[in-house]
Amino acid sequence: MNQSAELQQVKEYCYNHKLVRPKINWPKFILVVTSYFMLSALLVTASVLLPGHLFLWVVDVSLVLPLLAYGNVLGIVLIEIYQRYASERVRRQCSCQPSCSEYATLAFRKYYWMKALYLTWRRVFFTCAKPGYHLDYP
């Protein structure tokens, strides 16, 4: 396929693709958020018995460790909430195939959450900010 036909296909995709409005799995979201806070609270509570300098270190780790464990799930759920409740006008501003929210979901499923967050940030602020239409997969 030549480049102009590919760009025409991407343009058609941007204007006419069906926007997905996923059902939010609220019990899963609540479970992830509460388990994140419970794990943080458990680590902070366990660190009370440690000396002062270790206490501060464990408190810092207790806030980061659950994020390391639940980052991908939390990212995907937040993207699904955006896809569910954002207006069509806002969601159609993307000039790429797949759309930015679909790209973010693919990135969170393929990579660890830190790399997926970086790739999504780069896609939204650099790739989609360029004029024209783009074909870009994670």
C-alpha atoms as a PDB file:
ATOM      1  CA  MET A   1       0.000   0.000   0.000  1.00  0.00           C
ATOM      2  CA  ASN A   2       1.459   3.362  -0.937  1.00  0.00           C
ATOM      3  CA  GLN A   3       1.803   6.151   1.585  1.00  0.00           C
ATOM      4  CA  SER A   4      -1.052   8.343   0.342  1.00  0.00           C
ATOM      5  CA  ALA A   5      -3.497   5.414   0.411  1.00  0.00           C
ATOM      6  CA  GLU A   6      -2.303   4.573   3.916  1.00  0.00           C
ATOM      7  CA  LEU A   7      -2.823   8.175   5.070  1.00  0.00           C
ATOM      8  CA  GLN A   8      -6.295   8.195   3.469  1.00  0.00           C
ATOM      9  CA  GLN A   9      -7.130   4.993   5.363  1.00  0.00           C
ATOM     10  CA  VAL A  10      -5.950   6.559   8.643  1.00  0.00           C
ATOM     11  CA  LYS A  11      -8.003   9.697   7.914  1.00  0.00           C
ATOM     12  CA  GLU A  12     -11.108   7.590   7.305  1.00  0.00           C
ATOM     13  CA  TYR A  13     -10.425   5.704  10.519  1.00  0.00           C
ATOM     14  CA  CYS A  14     -10.136   8.951  12.506  1.00  0.00           C
ATOM     15  CA  TYR A  15     -13.440  10.284  11.198  1.00  0.00           C
ATOM     16  CA  ASN A  16     -15.544   7.133  11.043  1.00  0.00           C
ATOM     17  CA  HIS A  17     -14.344   4.495  13.505  1.00  0.00           C
ATOM     18  CA  LYS A  18     -16.804   3.363  16.117  1.00  0.00           C
ATOM     19  CA  LEU A  19     -15.997   4.767  19.540  1.00  0.00           C
ATOM     20  CA  VAL A  20     -15.932   2.065  22.183  1.00  0.00           C
ATOM     21  CA  ARG A  21     -17.790   2.858  25.399  1.00  0.00           C
ATOM     22  CA  PRO A  22     -16.664   0.001  27.673  1.00  0.00           C
ATOM     23  CA  LYS A  23     -18.635  -1.070  30.693  1.00  0.00           C
ATOM     24  CA  ILE A  24     -16.672  -0.200  33.791  1.00  0.00           C
ATOM     25  CA  ASN A  25     -15.956  -3.099  36.095  1.00  0.00           C
ATOM     26  CA  TRP A  26     -16.541  -1.087  39.276  1.00  0.00           C
ATOM     27  CA  PRO A  27     -16.040  -4.020  41.675  1.00  0.00           C
ATOM     28  CA  LYS A  28     -12.612  -4.669  40.118  1.00  0.00           C
ATOM     29  CA  PHE A  29     -11.719  -0.965  40.340  1.00  0.00           C
ATOM     30  CA  ILE A  30     -12.818  -0.762  43.979  1.00  0.00           C
ATOM     31  CA  LEU A  31     -10.927  -3.969  44.771  1.00  0.00           C
ATOM     32  CA  VAL A  32      -7.717  -2.642  43.199  1.00  0.00           C
ATOM     33  CA  VAL A  33      -7.941   0.740  44.944  1.00  0.00           C
ATOM     34  CA  THR A  34      -8.809  -0.696  48.353  1.00  0.00           C
ATOM     35  CA  SER A  35      -6.131  -3.385  48.139  1.00  0.00           C
ATOM     36  CA  TYR A  36      -3.615  -0.671  47.184  1.00  0.00           C
ATOM     37  CA  PHE A  37      -4.487   1.342  50.289  1.00  0.00           C
ATOM     38  CA  MET A  38      -4.687  -1.746  52.502  1.00  0.00           C
ATOM     39  CA  LEU A  39      -1.230  -2.878  51.408  1.00  0.00           C
ATOM     40  CA  SER A  40       0.125   0.644  52.011  1.00  0.00           C
ATOM     41  CA  ALA A  41      -1.482   0.775  55.457  1.00  0.00           C
ATOM     42  CA  LEU A  42      -0.175  -2.687  56.319  1.00  0.00           C
ATOM     43  CA  LEU A  43       3.390  -1.730  55.406  1.00  0.00           C
ATOM     44  CA  VAL A  44       3.187   1.559  57.329  1.00  0.00           C
ATOM     45  CA  THR A  45       1.741  -0.228  60.371  1.00  0.00           C
ATOM     46  CA  ALA A  46       4.488  -2.843  60.262  1.00  0.00           C
ATOM     47  CA  SER A  47       7.130  -0.129  60.016  1.00  0.00           C
ATOM     48  CA  VAL A  48       6.118   1.458  63.342  1.00  0.00           C
ATOM     49  CA  LEU A  49       8.269  -1.102  65.144  1.00  0.00           C
ATOM     50  CA  LEU A  50      11.386  -0.077  63.196  1.00  0.00           C
ATOM     51  CA  PRO A  51      13.948   2.552  64.218  1.00  0.00           C
ATOM     52  CA  GLY A  52      13.420   6.137  62.959  1.00  0.00           C
ATOM     53  CA  HIS A  53      15.608   6.099  59.840  1.00  0.00           C
ATOM     54  CA  LEU A  54      14.191   2.744  58.706  1.00  0.00           C
ATOM     55  CA  PHE A  55      10.639   3.935  59.457  1.00  0.00           C
ATOM     56  CA  LEU A  56      10.902   6.755  56.916  1.00  0.00           C
ATOM     57  CA  TRP A  57      12.363   4.424  54.301  1.00  0.00           C
ATOM     58  CA  VAL A  58       9.611   1.834  54.782  1.00  0.00           C
ATOM     59  CA  VAL A  59       6.898   4.526  54.640  1.00  0.00           C
ATOM     60  CA  ASP A  60       8.275   5.672  51.285  1.00  0.00           C
ATOM     61  CA  VAL A  61       8.418   2.099  50.008  1.00  0.00           C
ATOM     62  CA  SER A  62       4.928   1.387  51.329  1.00  0.00           C
ATOM     63  CA  LEU A  63       3.501   4.046  49.042  1.00  0.00           C
ATOM     64  CA  VAL A  64       5.450   2.928  45.968  1.00  0.00           C
ATOM     65  CA  LEU A  65       5.298  -0.854  46.313  1.00  0.00           C
ATOM     66  CA  PRO A  66       1.529  -1.188  45.783  1.00  0.00           C
ATOM     67  CA  LEU A  67       1.767   1.154  42.799  1.00  0.00           C
ATOM     68  CA  LEU A  68       4.358  -1.162  41.292  1.00  0.00           C
ATOM     69  CA  ALA A  69       2.011  -4.081  41.812  1.00  0.00           C
ATOM     70  CA  TYR A  70      -1.241  -2.487  40.610  1.00  0.00           C
ATOM     71  CA  GLY A  71      -0.016   0.110  38.100  1.00  0.00           C
ATOM     72  CA  ASN A  72      -1.100  -1.653  34.912  1.00  0.00           C
ATOM     73  CA  VAL A  73      -4.555  -2.566  36.192  1.00  0.00           C
ATOM     74  CA  LEU A  74      -5.124   0.924  37.542  1.00  0.00           C
ATOM     75  CA  GLY A  75      -3.968   2.496  34.270  1.00  0.00           C
ATOM     76  CA  ILE A  76      -6.286   0.353  32.154  1.00  0.00           C
ATOM     77  CA  VAL A  77      -9.260   1.045  34.427  1.00  0.00           C
ATOM     78  CA  LEU A  78      -8.615   4.808  34.286  1.00  0.00           C
ATOM     79  CA  ILE A  79      -8.449   4.641  30.469  1.00  0.00           C
ATOM     80  CA  GLU A  80     -11.740   2.718  30.406  1.00  0.00           C
ATOM     81  CA  ILE A  81     -13.346   5.391  32.608  1.00  0.00           C
ATOM     82  CA  TYR A  82     -12.117   8.043  30.148  1.00  0.00           C
ATOM     83  CA  GLN A  83     -13.458   6.051  27.181  1.00  0.00           C
ATOM     84  CA  ARG A  84     -16.795   5.606  28.904  1.00  0.00           C
ATOM     85  CA  TYR A  85     -17.451   9.196  29.983  1.00  0.00           C
ATOM     86  CA  ALA A  86     -15.470  11.526  27.670  1.00  0.00           C
ATOM     87  CA  SER A  87     -17.529  13.279  25.017  1.00  0.00           C
ATOM     88  CA  GLU A  88     -17.327  12.209  21.393  1.00  0.00           C
ATOM     89  CA  ARG A  89     -15.932  15.609  20.400  1.00  0.00           C
ATOM     90  CA  VAL A  90     -12.988  15.204  22.771  1.00  0.00           C
ATOM     91  CA  ARG A  91     -12.314  11.627  21.749  1.00  0.00           C
ATOM     92  CA  ARG A  92     -12.377  12.397  18.002  1.00  0.00           C
ATOM     93  CA  GLN A  93      -9.550  14.952  18.280  1.00  0.00           C
ATOM     94  CA  CYS A  94      -6.926  12.251  17.887  1.00  0.00           C
ATOM     95  CA  SER A  95      -5.373  12.144  14.404  1.00  0.00           C
ATOM     96  CA  CYS A  96      -3.767   8.720  14.728  1.00  0.00           C
ATOM     97  CA  GLN A  97      -4.686   5.115  14.199  1.00  0.00           C
ATOM     98  CA  PRO A  98      -5.335   3.565  16.726  1.00  0.00           C
ATOM     99  CA  SER A  99      -6.824   6.382  18.766  1.00  0.00           C
ATOM    100  CA  CYS A 100      -4.811   7.629  21.742  1.00  0.00           C
ATOM    101  CA  SER A 101      -6.929   5.821  24.327  1.00  0.00           C
ATOM    102  CA  GLU A 102      -6.753   2.565  22.345  1.00  0.00           C
ATOM    103  CA  TYR A 103      -2.978   3.069  22.034  1.00  0.00           C
ATOM    104  CA  ALA A 104      -2.703   3.590  25.788  1.00  0.00           C
ATOM    105  CA  THR A 105      -4.675   0.418  26.491  1.00  0.00           C
ATOM    106  CA  LEU A 106      -2.456  -1.555  24.114  1.00  0.00           C
ATOM    107  CA  ALA A 107       0.668  -0.094  25.722  1.00  0.00           C
ATOM    108  CA  PHE A 108      -0.510  -0.924  29.254  1.00  0.00           C
ATOM    109  CA  ARG A 109      -1.266  -4.501  28.194  1.00  0.00           C
ATOM    110  CA  LYS A 110       2.051  -4.937  26.386  1.00  0.00           C
ATOM    111  CA  TYR A 111       4.522  -3.137  28.661  1.00  0.00           C
ATOM    112  CA  TYR A 112       5.104  -2.416  32.316  1.00  0.00           C
ATOM    113  CA  TRP A 113       3.110   0.608  33.530  1.00  0.00           C
ATOM    114  CA  MET A 114       6.075   3.024  33.631  1.00  0.00           C
ATOM    115  CA  LYS A 115       7.012   2.401  30.002  1.00  0.00           C
ATOM    116  CA  ALA A 116       3.348   2.406  28.970  1.00  0.00           C
ATOM    117  CA  LEU A 117       2.830   5.759  30.677  1.00  0.00           C
ATOM    118  CA  TYR A 118       5.889   7.186  28.918  1.00  0.00           C
ATOM    119  CA  LEU A 119       4.771   5.868  25.510  1.00  0.00           C
ATOM    120  CA  THR A 120       1.273   7.264  26.021  1.00  0.00           C
ATOM    121  CA  TRP A 121       2.635  10.649  27.084  1.00  0.00           C
ATOM    122  CA  ARG A 122       4.927  10.738  24.030  1.00  0.00           C
ATOM    123  CA  ARG A 123       2.064   9.751  21.746  1.00  0.00           C
ATOM    124  CA  VAL A 124      -0.385  12.376  23.048  1.00  0.00           C
ATOM    125  CA  PHE A 125       2.002  15.324  23.263  1.00  0.00           C
ATOM    126  CA  PHE A 126       4.319  14.694  20.321  1.00  0.00           C
ATOM    127  CA  THR A 127       2.912  12.294  17.717  1.00  0.00           C
ATOM    128  CA  CYS A 128      -0.677  13.552  17.747  1.00  0.00           C
ATOM    129  CA  ALA A 129       0.439  17.169  18.070  1.00  0.00           C
ATOM    130  CA  LYS A 130       2.033  17.014  14.607  1.00  0.00           C
ATOM    131  CA  PRO A 131      -0.168  18.061  11.715  1.00  0.00           C
ATOM    132  CA  GLY A 132      -1.576  15.312   9.523  1.00  0.00           C
ATOM    133  CA  TYR A 133      -2.608  11.740  10.176  1.00  0.00           C
ATOM    134  CA  HIS A 134      -0.370   9.054  11.612  1.00  0.00           C
ATOM    135  CA  LEU A 135      -0.316   5.283  11.845  1.00  0.00           C
ATOM    136  CA  ASP A 136       1.366   4.392  15.152  1.00  0.00           C
ATOM    137  CA  TYR A 137       1.227   1.239  17.286  1.00  0.00           C
ATOM    138  CA  PRO A 138       3.041   0.598  20.593  1.00  0.00           C
END
